[in-house]
Amino acid sequence: MIITLTDVSKGRQESALPRISAEYLSGRASLAVAETAQRPSVLGLIASGRMRPDSGEVRIDDTVDLGQLRARVALVDAPEVNDPSGEVTVFGVVAEELMFAGRPSGPLATKKALVDLGVKEWRNWTIGTVPAIVRIRLLTELAIMRDDVEGLVLTAPDRHGGDPADWWARANELARRGYAVLVIAGVSSAAALGITAEAGTIFHGERTERLELEASEPAADTASEPSLEPAAEPSAPPNPDDSEASA
């Protein structure tokens, strides 16, 4: 599967997303650099077939078919689009995603899924308090549980802090499993990965390709690297009843 974006843009005078071309394909992780709070989500929506660009086109396997693109590509954790509320517990997030995937999502099924996904110890933590890489691994694994998903667009993982090398390694792990992976992140994250980039650059594995993007914004700082294991419970950890969490 190959998804190609050709000269896409969004908004009056391309204010929401300046014109950009990019591609991502099965078995490869790609990093698209986009800045400001809004542009990563807009690019993610367009790249996953959930928003029509105002200019240009998006093709999947050389065909313009947004329905097929939406079915085969999961949009993951896009800010203010489909990111889970920070106050929902990990238990609740897993239960909801199991339901969306058409799988059993009651308390017992959710408990089993928490074990299978390796996040049992985080079950009562809110999704907004777990380390960035735990969140990203969980949400990407839940996304690929859905039938027909062959690709993922992971949007702005750098906003959660942590080491960009962690989520980039995760993207490459998914690519080795055969998925097409597009990660959209900021300039400072690209720099942390050793990539000299600015808004409008796309990075494929070991090479970079400069793309046309008319405007760029200042980079955002990333936070410190988190531990991958829970060091301690939060000061006031939530502890909802399991049956209520599955609703």
C-alpha atoms as a PDB file:
ATOM      1  CA  MET A   1       0.000   0.000   0.000  1.00  0.00           C
ATOM      2  CA  ILE A   2       1.271   3.453  -0.869  1.00  0.00           C
ATOM      3  CA  ILE A   3      -0.397   6.741   0.027  1.00  0.00           C
ATOM      4  CA  THR A   4       0.665   9.794  -1.933  1.00  0.00           C
ATOM      5  CA  LEU A   5      -0.169  13.410  -1.110  1.00  0.00           C
ATOM      6  CA  THR A   6       0.418  15.775  -4.014  1.00  0.00           C
ATOM      7  CA  ASP A   7       0.429  19.551  -3.461  1.00  0.00           C
ATOM      8  CA  VAL A   8      -2.221  19.390  -0.733  1.00  0.00           C
ATOM      9  CA  SER A   9      -3.167  22.461   1.285  1.00  0.00           C
ATOM     10  CA  LYS A  10      -5.991  23.637   3.535  1.00  0.00           C
ATOM     11  CA  GLY A  11      -7.543  26.930   4.514  1.00  0.00           C
ATOM     12  CA  ARG A  12      -7.816  30.447   3.132  1.00  0.00           C
ATOM     13  CA  GLN A  13      -4.458  31.306   1.596  1.00  0.00           C
ATOM     14  CA  GLU A  14      -3.247  27.917   2.879  1.00  0.00           C
ATOM     15  CA  SER A  15      -3.377  29.159   6.464  1.00  0.00           C
ATOM     16  CA  ALA A  16      -4.359  25.810   8.010  1.00  0.00           C
ATOM     17  CA  LEU A  17      -1.820  23.828   6.008  1.00  0.00           C
ATOM     18  CA  PRO A  18       0.630  25.265   3.481  1.00  0.00           C
ATOM     19  CA  ARG A  19       1.035  23.287   0.260  1.00  0.00           C
ATOM     20  CA  ILE A  20       2.906  20.018   0.768  1.00  0.00           C
ATOM     21  CA  SER A  21       3.625  16.746  -1.034  1.00  0.00           C
ATOM     22  CA  ALA A  22       4.493  13.516   0.755  1.00  0.00           C
ATOM     23  CA  GLU A  23       4.124   9.752   0.672  1.00  0.00           C
ATOM     24  CA  TYR A  24       4.156   6.806   3.034  1.00  0.00           C
ATOM     25  CA  LEU A  25       3.991   3.130   2.258  1.00  0.00           C
ATOM     26  CA  SER A  26       3.784  -0.373   3.695  1.00  0.00           C
ATOM     27  CA  GLY A  27       6.902  -1.554   5.483  1.00  0.00           C
ATOM     28  CA  ARG A  28       8.402   1.896   5.994  1.00  0.00           C
ATOM     29  CA  ALA A  29       8.131   4.565   8.674  1.00  0.00           C
ATOM     30  CA  SER A  30       8.101   8.167   7.472  1.00  0.00           C
ATOM     31  CA  LEU A  31       8.367  11.367   9.491  1.00  0.00           C
ATOM     32  CA  ALA A  32       6.644  14.513   8.227  1.00  0.00           C
ATOM     33  CA  VAL A  33       7.658  17.754   9.910  1.00  0.00           C
ATOM     34  CA  ALA A  34       4.817  20.176  10.628  1.00  0.00           C
ATOM     35  CA  GLU A  35       4.646  23.022  13.100  1.00  0.00           C
ATOM     36  CA  THR A  36       1.990  24.829  15.174  1.00  0.00           C
ATOM     37  CA  ALA A  37      -0.799  23.218  17.171  1.00  0.00           C
ATOM     38  CA  GLN A  38      -3.231  22.952  14.250  1.00  0.00           C
ATOM     39  CA  ARG A  39      -1.165  21.884  11.245  1.00  0.00           C
ATOM     40  CA  PRO A  40      -0.173  18.384  12.439  1.00  0.00           C
ATOM     41  CA  SER A  41      -3.836  17.477  12.952  1.00  0.00           C
ATOM     42  CA  VAL A  42      -4.869  18.956   9.595  1.00  0.00           C
ATOM     43  CA  LEU A  43      -2.103  17.058   7.817  1.00  0.00           C
ATOM     44  CA  GLY A  44      -3.036  13.883   9.705  1.00  0.00           C
ATOM     45  CA  LEU A  45      -6.695  14.223   8.739  1.00  0.00           C
ATOM     46  CA  ILE A  46      -5.816  14.716   5.082  1.00  0.00           C
ATOM     47  CA  ALA A  47      -3.198  11.938   5.029  1.00  0.00           C
ATOM     48  CA  SER A  48      -5.694   9.461   6.498  1.00  0.00           C
ATOM     49  CA  GLY A  49      -8.591  10.413   4.212  1.00  0.00           C
ATOM     50  CA  ARG A  50     -10.677  12.115   6.879  1.00  0.00           C
ATOM     51  CA  MET A  51     -10.493  15.617   5.424  1.00  0.00           C
ATOM     52  CA  ARG A  52     -10.505  16.797   1.820  1.00  0.00           C
ATOM     53  CA  PRO A  53      -7.687  19.174   0.929  1.00  0.00           C
ATOM     54  CA  ASP A  54      -8.578  22.512  -0.635  1.00  0.00           C
ATOM     55  CA  SER A  55      -5.927  21.930  -3.266  1.00  0.00           C
ATOM     56  CA  GLY A  56      -4.074  18.887  -4.546  1.00  0.00           C
ATOM     57  CA  GLU A  57      -5.077  15.262  -4.106  1.00  0.00           C
ATOM     58  CA  VAL A  58      -4.478  12.175  -1.999  1.00  0.00           C
ATOM     59  CA  ARG A  59      -4.143   8.767  -3.640  1.00  0.00           C
ATOM     60  CA  ILE A  60      -4.040   5.273  -2.205  1.00  0.00           C
ATOM     61  CA  ASP A  61      -2.376   2.781  -4.535  1.00  0.00           C
ATOM     62  CA  ASP A  62      -2.674   5.396  -7.319  1.00  0.00           C
ATOM     63  CA  THR A  63      -6.437   5.748  -6.837  1.00  0.00           C
ATOM     64  CA  VAL A  64      -8.394   8.664  -5.364  1.00  0.00           C
ATOM     65  CA  ASP A  65     -10.636   6.811  -2.913  1.00  0.00           C
ATOM     66  CA  LEU A  66     -11.043   8.485   0.465  1.00  0.00           C
ATOM     67  CA  GLY A  67     -13.404   5.768   1.696  1.00  0.00           C
ATOM     68  CA  GLN A  68     -10.797   3.088   1.114  1.00  0.00           C
ATOM     69  CA  LEU A  69      -8.130   5.287   2.654  1.00  0.00           C
ATOM     70  CA  ARG A  70     -10.206   5.821   5.825  1.00  0.00           C
ATOM     71  CA  ALA A  71     -10.844   2.087   6.135  1.00  0.00           C
ATOM     72  CA  ARG A  72      -7.216   1.059   5.691  1.00  0.00           C
ATOM     73  CA  VAL A  73      -5.425   3.840   7.589  1.00  0.00           C
ATOM     74  CA  ALA A  74      -5.946   4.613  11.285  1.00  0.00           C
ATOM     75  CA  LEU A  75      -5.521   8.162  12.533  1.00  0.00           C
ATOM     76  CA  VAL A  76      -3.906   7.886  15.964  1.00  0.00           C
ATOM     77  CA  ASP A  77      -3.984  10.432  18.795  1.00  0.00           C
ATOM     78  CA  ALA A  78      -4.593  13.543  16.690  1.00  0.00           C
ATOM     79  CA  PRO A  79      -4.920  16.610  18.977  1.00  0.00           C
ATOM     80  CA  GLU A  80      -8.525  17.772  19.409  1.00  0.00           C
ATOM     81  CA  VAL A  81      -9.659  15.221  16.828  1.00  0.00           C
ATOM     82  CA  ASN A  82      -9.517  11.711  18.271  1.00  0.00           C
ATOM     83  CA  ASP A  83      -7.090  11.885  21.177  1.00  0.00           C
ATOM     84  CA  PRO A  84      -8.586  10.344  24.330  1.00  0.00           C
ATOM     85  CA  SER A  85      -9.551  12.692  27.133  1.00  0.00           C
ATOM     86  CA  GLY A  86      -6.686  12.997  29.572  1.00  0.00           C
ATOM     87  CA  GLU A  87      -9.002  12.138  32.473  1.00  0.00           C
ATOM     88  CA  VAL A  88     -10.078   8.742  31.104  1.00  0.00           C
ATOM     89  CA  THR A  89      -8.342   5.752  32.695  1.00  0.00           C
ATOM     90  CA  VAL A  90      -6.246   3.336  30.679  1.00  0.00           C
ATOM     91  CA  PHE A  91      -8.915   0.740  31.489  1.00  0.00           C
ATOM     92  CA  GLY A  92     -11.563   2.988  29.947  1.00  0.00           C
ATOM     93  CA  VAL A  93      -9.469   3.727  26.850  1.00  0.00           C
ATOM     94  CA  VAL A  94      -8.860   0.029  26.211  1.00  0.00           C
ATOM     95  CA  ALA A  95     -12.528  -0.866  26.734  1.00  0.00           C
ATOM     96  CA  GLU A  96     -13.673   1.825  24.319  1.00  0.00           C
ATOM     97  CA  GLU A  97     -11.185   0.872  21.610  1.00  0.00           C
ATOM     98  CA  LEU A  98     -12.102  -2.800  21.925  1.00  0.00           C
ATOM     99  CA  MET A  99     -15.712  -1.802  21.329  1.00  0.00           C
ATOM    100  CA  PHE A 100     -14.786   0.265  18.258  1.00  0.00           C
ATOM    101  CA  ALA A 101     -12.789  -2.702  16.936  1.00  0.00           C
ATOM    102  CA  GLY A 102     -15.851  -4.921  17.257  1.00  0.00           C
ATOM    103  CA  ARG A 103     -14.301  -7.024  20.006  1.00  0.00           C
ATOM    104  CA  PRO A 104     -15.671  -7.996  23.433  1.00  0.00           C
ATOM    105  CA  SER A 105     -15.273  -4.967  25.683  1.00  0.00           C
ATOM    106  CA  GLY A 106     -16.792  -5.988  29.012  1.00  0.00           C
ATOM    107  CA  PRO A 107     -14.771  -5.941  32.255  1.00  0.00           C
ATOM    108  CA  LEU A 108     -13.319  -9.455  31.874  1.00  0.00           C
ATOM    109  CA  ALA A 109     -12.397  -8.952  28.213  1.00  0.00           C
ATOM    110  CA  THR A 110     -10.825  -5.592  29.007  1.00  0.00           C
ATOM    111  CA  LYS A 111      -8.802  -7.044  31.900  1.00  0.00           C
ATOM    112  CA  LYS A 112      -7.450  -9.729  29.571  1.00  0.00           C
ATOM    113  CA  ALA A 113      -6.612  -7.134  26.917  1.00  0.00           C
ATOM    114  CA  LEU A 114      -4.733  -5.041  29.489  1.00  0.00           C
ATOM    115  CA  VAL A 115      -2.534  -8.061  30.219  1.00  0.00           C
ATOM    116  CA  ASP A 116      -2.069  -8.903  26.544  1.00  0.00           C
ATOM    117  CA  LEU A 117      -1.129  -5.295  25.787  1.00  0.00           C
ATOM    118  CA  GLY A 118       1.352  -5.151  28.661  1.00  0.00           C
ATOM    119  CA  VAL A 119      -0.347  -2.279  30.464  1.00  0.00           C
ATOM    120  CA  LYS A 120      -2.026  -4.036  33.379  1.00  0.00           C
ATOM    121  CA  GLU A 121      -0.045  -2.001  35.903  1.00  0.00           C
ATOM    122  CA  TRP A 122      -1.316   1.221  34.351  1.00  0.00           C
ATOM    123  CA  ARG A 123      -4.990   0.265  34.346  1.00  0.00           C
ATOM    124  CA  ASN A 124      -6.153   2.830  36.927  1.00  0.00           C
ATOM    125  CA  TRP A 125      -3.905   5.647  35.742  1.00  0.00           C
ATOM    126  CA  THR A 126      -5.479   8.278  33.549  1.00  0.00           C
ATOM    127  CA  ILE A 127      -4.184   8.239  29.983  1.00  0.00           C
ATOM    128  CA  GLY A 128      -2.917  11.783  30.467  1.00  0.00           C
ATOM    129  CA  THR A 129      -0.522  10.711  33.245  1.00  0.00           C
ATOM    130  CA  VAL A 130       1.199   7.659  31.753  1.00  0.00           C
ATOM    131  CA  PRO A 131       4.647   8.070  30.132  1.00  0.00           C
ATOM    132  CA  ALA A 132       4.557   9.114  26.504  1.00  0.00           C
ATOM    133  CA  ILE A 133       5.880   5.855  25.075  1.00  0.00           C
ATOM    134  CA  VAL A 134       3.373   3.794  27.085  1.00  0.00           C
ATOM    135  CA  ARG A 135       0.556   5.915  25.655  1.00  0.00           C
ATOM    136  CA  ILE A 136       1.890   5.673  22.094  1.00  0.00           C
ATOM    137  CA  ARG A 137       2.474   1.934  22.194  1.00  0.00           C
ATOM    138  CA  LEU A 138      -0.974   1.372  23.653  1.00  0.00           C
ATOM    139  CA  LEU A 139      -2.869   3.577  21.197  1.00  0.00           C
ATOM    140  CA  THR A 140      -1.054   2.195  18.159  1.00  0.00           C
ATOM    141  CA  GLU A 141      -1.658  -1.415  19.243  1.00  0.00           C
ATOM    142  CA  LEU A 142      -5.327  -0.661  19.796  1.00  0.00           C
ATOM    143  CA  ALA A 143      -5.555   0.989  16.376  1.00  0.00           C
ATOM    144  CA  ILE A 144      -4.269  -2.057  14.514  1.00  0.00           C
ATOM    145  CA  MET A 145      -6.838  -4.279  16.219  1.00  0.00           C
ATOM    146  CA  ARG A 146      -9.420  -2.881  13.802  1.00  0.00           C
ATOM    147  CA  ASP A 147     -10.204  -4.918  10.711  1.00  0.00           C
ATOM    148  CA  ASP A 148      -8.558  -3.836   7.452  1.00  0.00           C
ATOM    149  CA  VAL A 149      -6.087  -1.412   9.070  1.00  0.00           C
ATOM    150  CA  GLU A 150      -2.818  -1.517   7.139  1.00  0.00           C
ATOM    151  CA  GLY A 151      -1.408   1.882   7.996  1.00  0.00           C
ATOM    152  CA  LEU A 152      -1.231   4.438  10.786  1.00  0.00           C
ATOM    153  CA  VAL A 153      -0.860   8.192  10.960  1.00  0.00           C
ATOM    154  CA  LEU A 154       0.518   9.085  14.396  1.00  0.00           C
ATOM    155  CA  THR A 155      -0.020  12.771  15.046  1.00  0.00           C
ATOM    156  CA  ALA A 156       2.187  14.980  17.222  1.00  0.00           C
ATOM    157  CA  PRO A 157       3.538  12.334  19.627  1.00  0.00           C
ATOM    158  CA  ASP A 158       6.157  14.873  20.686  1.00  0.00           C
ATOM    159  CA  ARG A 159       3.518  16.940  22.498  1.00  0.00           C
ATOM    160  CA  HIS A 160       3.520  14.341  25.283  1.00  0.00           C
ATOM    161  CA  GLY A 161       7.215  14.825  26.033  1.00  0.00           C
ATOM    162  CA  GLY A 162       9.737  12.034  26.345  1.00  0.00           C
ATOM    163  CA  ASP A 163      12.525  11.030  23.995  1.00  0.00           C
ATOM    164  CA  PRO A 164      11.582  11.213  20.291  1.00  0.00           C
ATOM    165  CA  ALA A 165      13.817   8.187  19.742  1.00  0.00           C
ATOM    166  CA  ASP A 166      11.253   6.099  21.636  1.00  0.00           C
ATOM    167  CA  TRP A 167       8.289   6.849  19.389  1.00  0.00           C
ATOM    168  CA  TRP A 168      10.453   6.767  16.258  1.00  0.00           C
ATOM    169  CA  ALA A 169      11.640   3.286  17.268  1.00  0.00           C
ATOM    170  CA  ARG A 170       7.994   2.322  17.778  1.00  0.00           C
ATOM    171  CA  ALA A 171       7.119   3.599  14.301  1.00  0.00           C
ATOM    172  CA  ASN A 172       9.904   1.536  12.772  1.00  0.00           C
ATOM    173  CA  GLU A 173       8.808  -1.516  14.764  1.00  0.00           C
ATOM    174  CA  LEU A 174       5.327  -1.200  13.267  1.00  0.00           C
ATOM    175  CA  ALA A 175       6.844  -0.764   9.804  1.00  0.00           C
ATOM    176  CA  ARG A 176       8.820  -3.988  10.232  1.00  0.00           C
ATOM    177  CA  ARG A 177       5.478  -5.673  10.927  1.00  0.00           C
ATOM    178  CA  GLY A 178       4.347  -4.529   7.487  1.00  0.00           C
ATOM    179  CA  TYR A 179       2.361  -1.402   8.322  1.00  0.00           C
ATOM    180  CA  ALA A 180       2.616   1.898   6.495  1.00  0.00           C
ATOM    181  CA  VAL A 181       3.473   4.457   9.177  1.00  0.00           C
ATOM    182  CA  LEU A 182       3.452   8.227   8.946  1.00  0.00           C
ATOM    183  CA  VAL A 183       4.486  10.204  12.031  1.00  0.00           C
ATOM    184  CA  ILE A 184       3.845  13.943  12.107  1.00  0.00           C
ATOM    185  CA  ALA A 185       6.033  15.871  14.521  1.00  0.00           C
ATOM    186  CA  GLY A 186       7.871  19.157  14.981  1.00  0.00           C
ATOM    187  CA  VAL A 187      11.258  20.536  14.018  1.00  0.00           C
ATOM    188  CA  SER A 188      12.803  20.088  17.454  1.00  0.00           C
ATOM    189  CA  SER A 189      11.852  16.400  17.482  1.00  0.00           C
ATOM    190  CA  ALA A 190      13.480  15.909  14.095  1.00  0.00           C
ATOM    191  CA  ALA A 191      16.606  17.600  15.442  1.00  0.00           C
ATOM    192  CA  ALA A 192      16.576  15.281  18.463  1.00  0.00           C
ATOM    193  CA  LEU A 193      16.567  12.358  16.032  1.00  0.00           C
ATOM    194  CA  GLY A 194      19.631  13.793  14.299  1.00  0.00           C
ATOM    195  CA  ILE A 195      17.679  15.067  11.299  1.00  0.00           C
ATOM    196  CA  THR A 196      18.338  18.546   9.960  1.00  0.00           C
ATOM    197  CA  ALA A 197      14.826  19.568   9.063  1.00  0.00           C
ATOM    198  CA  GLU A 198      12.317  22.350   8.914  1.00  0.00           C
ATOM    199  CA  ALA A 199       8.571  22.399   8.422  1.00  0.00           C
ATOM    200  CA  GLY A 200       7.806  20.689   5.130  1.00  0.00           C
ATOM    201  CA  THR A 201      10.532  18.050   5.330  1.00  0.00           C
ATOM    202  CA  ILE A 202       9.759  14.338   5.186  1.00  0.00           C
ATOM    203  CA  PHE A 203      12.194  11.710   6.420  1.00  0.00           C
ATOM    204  CA  HIS A 204      12.123   8.097   5.209  1.00  0.00           C
ATOM    205  CA  GLY A 205      14.352   5.742   7.164  1.00  0.00           C
ATOM    206  CA  GLU A 206      17.909   6.729   6.365  1.00  0.00           C
ATOM    207  CA  ARG A 207      17.208   9.536   3.890  1.00  0.00           C
ATOM    208  CA  THR A 208      15.453  12.906   3.827  1.00  0.00           C
ATOM    209  CA  GLU A 209      13.625  14.665   1.066  1.00  0.00           C
ATOM    210  CA  ARG A 210      12.978  18.409   1.065  1.00  0.00           C
ATOM    211  CA  LEU A 211       9.372  19.267   0.256  1.00  0.00           C
ATOM    212  CA  GLU A 212       7.800  22.547  -0.738  1.00  0.00           C
ATOM    213  CA  LEU A 213       6.061  24.184   2.207  1.00  0.00           C
ATOM    214  CA  GLU A 214       5.743  27.921   2.132  1.00  0.00           C
ATOM    215  CA  ALA A 215       5.676  28.706   5.843  1.00  0.00           C
ATOM    216  CA  SER A 216       7.281  27.306   8.944  1.00  0.00           C
ATOM    217  CA  GLU A 217       6.842  28.089  12.625  1.00  0.00           C
ATOM    218  CA  PRO A 218       9.204  28.076  15.651  1.00  0.00           C
ATOM    219  CA  ALA A 219       9.956  24.662  17.095  1.00  0.00           C
ATOM    220  CA  ALA A 220       8.397  23.505  20.344  1.00  0.00           C
ATOM    221  CA  ASP A 221      10.484  22.165  23.202  1.00  0.00           C
ATOM    222  CA  THR A 222      10.220  18.528  24.194  1.00  0.00           C
ATOM    223  CA  ALA A 223      10.050  17.364  27.785  1.00  0.00           C
ATOM    224  CA  SER A 224      12.378  15.005  29.589  1.00  0.00           C
ATOM    225  CA  GLU A 225      12.503  11.278  28.860  1.00  0.00           C
ATOM    226  CA  PRO A 226      10.098   9.172  30.946  1.00  0.00           C
ATOM    227  CA  SER A 227      10.656   5.790  32.507  1.00  0.00           C
ATOM    228  CA  LEU A 228       8.893   2.918  30.772  1.00  0.00           C
ATOM    229  CA  GLU A 229       7.943   1.322  34.083  1.00  0.00           C
ATOM    230  CA  PRO A 230       5.656   2.893  36.700  1.00  0.00           C
ATOM    231  CA  ALA A 231       7.905   4.198  39.465  1.00  0.00           C
ATOM    232  CA  ALA A 232       5.049   4.989  41.820  1.00  0.00           C
ATOM    233  CA  GLU A 233       1.326   5.554  41.875  1.00  0.00           C
ATOM    234  CA  PRO A 234       0.213   9.142  41.215  1.00  0.00           C
ATOM    235  CA  SER A 235      -0.483  11.284  44.250  1.00  0.00           C
ATOM    236  CA  ALA A 236      -4.226  10.804  43.872  1.00  0.00           C
ATOM    237  CA  PRO A 237      -4.649   7.864  41.503  1.00  0.00           C
ATOM    238  CA  PRO A 238      -8.103   7.232  40.116  1.00  0.00           C
ATOM    239  CA  ASN A 239      -9.634   3.908  41.095  1.00  0.00           C
ATOM    240  CA  PRO A 240     -12.965   3.529  39.282  1.00  0.00           C
ATOM    241  CA  ASP A 241     -15.089   0.406  39.427  1.00  0.00           C
ATOM    242  CA  ASP A 242     -14.087  -1.867  36.551  1.00  0.00           C
ATOM    243  CA  SER A 243     -17.604  -2.297  35.229  1.00  0.00           C
ATOM    244  CA  GLU A 244     -18.109   1.465  35.080  1.00  0.00           C
ATOM    245  CA  ALA A 245     -14.763   1.955  33.361  1.00  0.00           C
ATOM    246  CA  SER A 246     -15.814  -0.293  30.527  1.00  0.00           C
ATOM    247  CA  ALA A 247     -18.765   1.894  29.624  1.00  0.00           C
END
